[in-house]
Amino acid sequence: MNWFWLLLSYLIMETIINVVFHIVSRKLKSDENRILSVFKGLLERIFLITGLVLGFPQVIIAFGALKIGTRFQRNSKISNDYFLIGNFISLMAALIFSQLAVLLLT
């Protein structure tokens, strides 16, 4: 039964995050591909959540390094603001959900 609540809470979290990202991207008038951004965000959070639930907090360092490495070529202030806000929201969601997962699975 805990798996049901875990999956349900993950789906609710992803829905909330994507609504927030949609609002932020509209306010910043981001020109990034929305579907690609959603897919990348899902992969990021799955990577972070898996690492945190399995007891490897070093995934946060790896996540940061990968994100920094992929951003050296862009100079747009809007893109950089969206990037920073998106990363903070993804990281916070992954931390909260990983703790919820640990709580529900123990």
N, C-alpha and C. Protein backbone atom coordinates (compact mmCIF):
# COMPACT_ATOMS: atom_id res chain seq x y z
N MET A 1 0.82 -1.20 0.00
CA MET A 1 0.00 0.00 0.00
C MET A 1 0.86 1.26 0.00
N ASN A 2 2.04 1.19 0.63
CA ASN A 2 2.91 2.35 0.65
C ASN A 2 3.38 2.74 -0.74
N TRP A 3 3.54 1.75 -1.63
CA TRP A 3 3.95 2.05 -3.00
C TRP A 3 2.89 2.90 -3.71
N PHE A 4 1.62 2.65 -3.42
CA PHE A 4 0.55 3.45 -4.00
C PHE A 4 0.68 4.90 -3.59
N TRP A 5 0.88 5.15 -2.30
CA TRP A 5 1.00 6.52 -1.80
C TRP A 5 2.27 7.19 -2.31
N LEU A 6 3.31 6.39 -2.45
CA LEU A 6 4.57 6.91 -2.98
C LEU A 6 4.39 7.37 -4.43
N LEU A 7 3.78 6.54 -5.23
CA LEU A 7 3.54 6.90 -6.63
C LEU A 7 2.57 8.07 -6.75
N LEU A 8 1.52 8.05 -5.95
CA LEU A 8 0.55 9.15 -5.97
C LEU A 8 1.21 10.47 -5.56
N SER A 9 2.02 10.44 -4.51
CA SER A 9 2.67 11.68 -4.07
C SER A 9 3.67 12.16 -5.12
N TYR A 10 4.35 11.24 -5.81
CA TYR A 10 5.27 11.64 -6.87
C TYR A 10 4.52 12.32 -8.01
N LEU A 11 3.40 11.75 -8.42
CA LEU A 11 2.61 12.34 -9.50
C LEU A 11 2.07 13.71 -9.12
N ILE A 12 1.64 13.86 -7.88
CA ILE A 12 1.15 15.16 -7.40
C ILE A 12 2.30 16.17 -7.40
N MET A 13 3.47 15.75 -6.91
CA MET A 13 4.64 16.63 -6.88
C MET A 13 5.01 17.08 -8.29
N GLU A 14 5.05 16.15 -9.23
CA GLU A 14 5.42 16.50 -10.61
C GLU A 14 4.39 17.46 -11.22
N THR A 15 3.13 17.26 -10.93
CA THR A 15 2.09 18.16 -11.45
C THR A 15 2.29 19.57 -10.90
N ILE A 16 2.51 19.68 -9.60
CA ILE A 16 2.72 21.00 -8.99
C ILE A 16 3.96 21.66 -9.57
N ILE A 17 5.05 20.90 -9.67
CA ILE A 17 6.30 21.46 -10.21
C ILE A 17 6.11 21.96 -11.63
N ASN A 18 5.43 21.19 -12.46
CA ASN A 18 5.25 21.60 -13.85
C ASN A 18 4.33 22.81 -13.98
N VAL A 19 3.36 22.94 -13.10
CA VAL A 19 2.53 24.15 -13.10
C VAL A 19 3.38 25.36 -12.71
N VAL A 20 4.21 25.21 -11.67
CA VAL A 20 5.10 26.30 -11.25
C VAL A 20 6.06 26.66 -12.38
N PHE A 21 6.68 25.67 -13.02
CA PHE A 21 7.59 25.94 -14.13
C PHE A 21 6.88 26.66 -15.27
N HIS A 22 5.66 26.26 -15.55
CA HIS A 22 4.90 26.91 -16.61
C HIS A 22 4.67 28.39 -16.29
N ILE A 23 4.30 28.68 -15.06
CA ILE A 23 4.08 30.06 -14.64
C ILE A 23 5.37 30.86 -14.73
N VAL A 24 6.47 30.29 -14.22
CA VAL A 24 7.76 30.98 -14.25
C VAL A 24 8.21 31.23 -15.68
N SER A 25 8.08 30.24 -16.54
CA SER A 25 8.53 30.41 -17.92
C SER A 25 7.70 31.46 -18.66
N ARG A 26 6.42 31.55 -18.34
CA ARG A 26 5.59 32.59 -18.97
C ARG A 26 5.97 33.97 -18.47
N LYS A 27 6.25 34.08 -17.16
CA LYS A 27 6.64 35.38 -16.61
C LYS A 27 7.98 35.83 -17.17
N LEU A 28 8.91 34.90 -17.34
CA LEU A 28 10.23 35.24 -17.87
C LEU A 28 10.27 35.23 -19.39
N LYS A 29 9.15 34.87 -20.01
CA LYS A 29 9.04 34.78 -21.47
C LYS A 29 10.15 33.90 -22.04
N SER A 30 10.30 32.74 -21.45
CA SER A 30 11.32 31.80 -21.87
C SER A 30 10.98 31.23 -23.24
N ASP A 31 12.01 31.07 -24.07
CA ASP A 31 11.81 30.52 -25.40
C ASP A 31 12.29 29.07 -25.49
N GLU A 32 12.53 28.45 -24.35
CA GLU A 32 13.02 27.07 -24.34
C GLU A 32 11.89 26.12 -24.72
N ASN A 33 12.27 25.00 -25.31
CA ASN A 33 11.32 23.96 -25.71
C ASN A 33 10.67 23.37 -24.46
N ARG A 34 9.39 23.58 -24.30
CA ARG A 34 8.67 23.18 -23.08
C ARG A 34 8.69 21.67 -22.86
N ILE A 35 8.46 20.88 -23.88
CA ILE A 35 8.42 19.43 -23.72
C ILE A 35 9.79 18.90 -23.36
N LEU A 36 10.83 19.42 -23.99
CA LEU A 36 12.19 19.00 -23.67
C LEU A 36 12.55 19.39 -22.25
N SER A 37 12.14 20.58 -21.82
CA SER A 37 12.42 21.02 -20.44
C SER A 37 11.73 20.13 -19.42
N VAL A 38 10.49 19.75 -19.69
CA VAL A 38 9.75 18.86 -18.78
C VAL A 38 10.45 17.51 -18.69
N PHE A 39 10.87 16.97 -19.84
CA PHE A 39 11.54 15.68 -19.86
C PHE A 39 12.87 15.73 -19.10
N LYS A 40 13.65 16.79 -19.32
CA LYS A 40 14.92 16.93 -18.61
C LYS A 40 14.68 17.06 -17.10
N GLY A 41 13.67 17.81 -16.73
CA GLY A 41 13.35 17.97 -15.31
C GLY A 41 12.97 16.65 -14.66
N LEU A 42 12.16 15.85 -15.36
CA LEU A 42 11.79 14.52 -14.84
C LEU A 42 13.03 13.66 -14.63
N LEU A 43 13.92 13.64 -15.61
CA LEU A 43 15.14 12.85 -15.47
C LEU A 43 16.01 13.35 -14.31
N GLU A 44 16.12 14.67 -14.17
CA GLU A 44 16.91 15.23 -13.08
C GLU A 44 16.36 14.79 -11.73
N ARG A 45 15.05 14.94 -11.56
CA ARG A 45 14.46 14.60 -10.26
C ARG A 45 14.52 13.11 -9.98
N ILE A 46 14.34 12.28 -11.00
CA ILE A 46 14.46 10.83 -10.79
C ILE A 46 15.89 10.49 -10.37
N PHE A 47 16.87 11.10 -11.01
CA PHE A 47 18.27 10.90 -10.66
C PHE A 47 18.54 11.30 -9.21
N LEU A 48 18.07 12.48 -8.85
CA LEU A 48 18.29 12.98 -7.48
C LEU A 48 17.55 12.14 -6.44
N ILE A 49 16.31 11.85 -6.69
CA ILE A 49 15.51 11.08 -5.73
C ILE A 49 16.10 9.70 -5.53
N THR A 50 16.46 9.04 -6.62
CA THR A 50 17.04 7.70 -6.51
C THR A 50 18.32 7.72 -5.68
N GLY A 51 19.19 8.66 -5.98
CA GLY A 51 20.43 8.76 -5.22
C GLY A 51 20.20 9.06 -3.75
N LEU A 52 19.29 9.96 -3.46
CA LEU A 52 19.03 10.32 -2.07
C LEU A 52 18.36 9.20 -1.30
N VAL A 53 17.40 8.52 -1.92
CA VAL A 53 16.71 7.41 -1.25
C VAL A 53 17.68 6.26 -0.98
N LEU A 54 18.61 6.04 -1.90
CA LEU A 54 19.58 4.97 -1.72
C LEU A 54 20.74 5.36 -0.79
N GLY A 55 20.72 6.58 -0.30
CA GLY A 55 21.71 7.01 0.68
C GLY A 55 22.99 7.57 0.08
N PHE A 56 22.90 8.14 -1.10
CA PHE A 56 24.07 8.74 -1.75
C PHE A 56 23.85 10.24 -1.94
N PRO A 57 24.07 11.05 -0.91
CA PRO A 57 23.85 12.49 -1.06
C PRO A 57 24.83 13.15 -2.04
N GLN A 58 25.85 12.42 -2.45
CA GLN A 58 26.81 12.95 -3.41
C GLN A 58 26.18 13.22 -4.77
N VAL A 59 24.99 12.67 -4.99
CA VAL A 59 24.31 12.93 -6.27
C VAL A 59 24.02 14.42 -6.43
N ILE A 60 23.88 15.13 -5.32
CA ILE A 60 23.64 16.58 -5.40
C ILE A 60 24.87 17.27 -6.00
N ILE A 61 26.05 16.83 -5.61
CA ILE A 61 27.29 17.40 -6.16
C ILE A 61 27.40 17.07 -7.65
N ALA A 62 27.13 15.82 -7.99
CA ALA A 62 27.19 15.41 -9.39
C ALA A 62 26.17 16.18 -10.22
N PHE A 63 24.99 16.36 -9.66
CA PHE A 63 23.93 17.12 -10.34
C PHE A 63 24.40 18.55 -10.62
N GLY A 64 24.96 19.18 -9.59
CA GLY A 64 25.45 20.55 -9.75
C GLY A 64 26.55 20.65 -10.80
N ALA A 65 27.47 19.71 -10.77
CA ALA A 65 28.57 19.72 -11.74
C ALA A 65 28.07 19.54 -13.16
N LEU A 66 27.14 18.62 -13.33
CA LEU A 66 26.57 18.40 -14.67
C LEU A 66 25.82 19.64 -15.16
N LYS A 67 25.07 20.26 -14.29
CA LYS A 67 24.30 21.44 -14.67
C LYS A 67 25.22 22.60 -15.04
N ILE A 68 26.27 22.81 -14.24
CA ILE A 68 27.21 23.89 -14.54
C ILE A 68 27.90 23.63 -15.87
N GLY A 69 28.30 22.39 -16.08
CA GLY A 69 28.99 22.04 -17.31
C GLY A 69 28.16 22.24 -18.57
N THR A 70 26.85 22.15 -18.44
CA THR A 70 25.99 22.31 -19.62
C THR A 70 25.58 23.76 -19.85
N ARG A 71 25.96 24.67 -18.98
CA ARG A 71 25.49 26.05 -19.09
C ARG A 71 26.55 27.05 -19.54
N PHE A 72 27.74 26.63 -19.85
CA PHE A 72 28.80 27.57 -20.18
C PHE A 72 28.58 28.33 -21.48
N GLN A 73 27.74 27.86 -22.35
CA GLN A 73 27.61 28.45 -23.67
C GLN A 73 26.48 29.48 -23.78
N ARG A 74 25.66 29.59 -22.80
CA ARG A 74 24.51 30.50 -22.92
C ARG A 74 24.79 31.80 -22.16
N ASN A 75 24.28 32.91 -22.73
CA ASN A 75 24.48 34.22 -22.10
C ASN A 75 23.18 34.93 -21.81
N SER A 76 22.05 34.36 -22.13
CA SER A 76 20.76 35.01 -21.95
C SER A 76 20.39 35.11 -20.47
N LYS A 77 20.07 36.33 -20.01
CA LYS A 77 19.70 36.51 -18.61
C LYS A 77 18.41 35.77 -18.28
N ILE A 78 17.45 35.80 -19.20
CA ILE A 78 16.18 35.10 -18.97
C ILE A 78 16.44 33.60 -18.85
N SER A 79 17.22 33.07 -19.74
CA SER A 79 17.53 31.65 -19.69
C SER A 79 18.25 31.28 -18.41
N ASN A 80 19.19 32.14 -17.98
CA ASN A 80 19.93 31.86 -16.75
C ASN A 80 19.04 31.95 -15.51
N ASP A 81 18.11 32.91 -15.48
CA ASP A 81 17.17 33.01 -14.36
C ASP A 81 16.28 31.77 -14.30
N TYR A 82 15.76 31.38 -15.45
CA TYR A 82 14.92 30.20 -15.53
C TYR A 82 15.70 28.97 -15.10
N PHE A 83 16.94 28.88 -15.53
CA PHE A 83 17.83 27.78 -15.17
C PHE A 83 18.02 27.71 -13.65
N LEU A 84 18.32 28.84 -13.03
CA LEU A 84 18.57 28.87 -11.58
C LEU A 84 17.31 28.52 -10.79
N ILE A 85 16.21 29.14 -11.13
CA ILE A 85 14.94 28.86 -10.44
C ILE A 85 14.55 27.40 -10.63
N GLY A 86 14.67 26.91 -11.84
CA GLY A 86 14.31 25.52 -12.12
C GLY A 86 15.16 24.53 -11.34
N ASN A 87 16.45 24.80 -11.23
CA ASN A 87 17.33 23.90 -10.48
C ASN A 87 17.01 23.89 -8.99
N PHE A 88 16.74 25.06 -8.44
CA PHE A 88 16.37 25.12 -7.01
C PHE A 88 15.07 24.37 -6.75
N ILE A 89 14.10 24.55 -7.61
CA ILE A 89 12.82 23.86 -7.43
C ILE A 89 13.00 22.35 -7.58
N SER A 90 13.76 21.92 -8.58
CA SER A 90 14.01 20.48 -8.77
C SER A 90 14.73 19.87 -7.59
N LEU A 91 15.76 20.55 -7.11
CA LEU A 91 16.52 20.03 -5.99
C LEU A 91 15.67 19.96 -4.72
N MET A 92 14.90 20.99 -4.45
CA MET A 92 14.04 20.99 -3.26
C MET A 92 12.98 19.89 -3.36
N ALA A 93 12.39 19.73 -4.54
CA ALA A 93 11.38 18.69 -4.72
C ALA A 93 12.00 17.31 -4.52
N ALA A 94 13.19 17.11 -5.05
CA ALA A 94 13.85 15.81 -4.89
C ALA A 94 14.18 15.53 -3.43
N LEU A 95 14.64 16.53 -2.72
CA LEU A 95 14.95 16.35 -1.30
C LEU A 95 13.70 16.01 -0.50
N ILE A 96 12.63 16.75 -0.72
CA ILE A 96 11.39 16.50 0.00
C ILE A 96 10.82 15.13 -0.35
N PHE A 97 10.80 14.81 -1.65
CA PHE A 97 10.22 13.53 -2.04
C PHE A 97 11.07 12.37 -1.56
N SER A 98 12.39 12.51 -1.57
CA SER A 98 13.23 11.40 -1.10
C SER A 98 12.98 11.13 0.38
N GLN A 99 12.77 12.16 1.17
CA GLN A 99 12.46 11.96 2.58
C GLN A 99 11.08 11.33 2.76
N LEU A 100 10.14 11.74 1.93
CA LEU A 100 8.81 11.13 1.96
C LEU A 100 8.88 9.66 1.57
N ALA A 101 9.69 9.36 0.55
CA ALA A 101 9.85 7.96 0.12
C ALA A 101 10.45 7.11 1.23
N VAL A 102 11.46 7.63 1.89
CA VAL A 102 12.09 6.90 3.00
C VAL A 102 11.05 6.66 4.10
N LEU A 103 10.26 7.67 4.39
CA LEU A 103 9.23 7.57 5.44
C LEU A 103 8.18 6.54 5.05
N LEU A 104 7.73 6.56 3.82
CA LEU A 104 6.67 5.62 3.39
C LEU A 104 7.17 4.20 3.23
N LEU A 105 8.45 4.03 2.93
CA LEU A 105 8.97 2.68 2.68
C LEU A 105 9.55 2.02 3.91
N THR A 106 9.62 2.74 5.03
CA THR A 106 10.13 2.10 6.26
C THR A 106 9.01 1.79 7.22
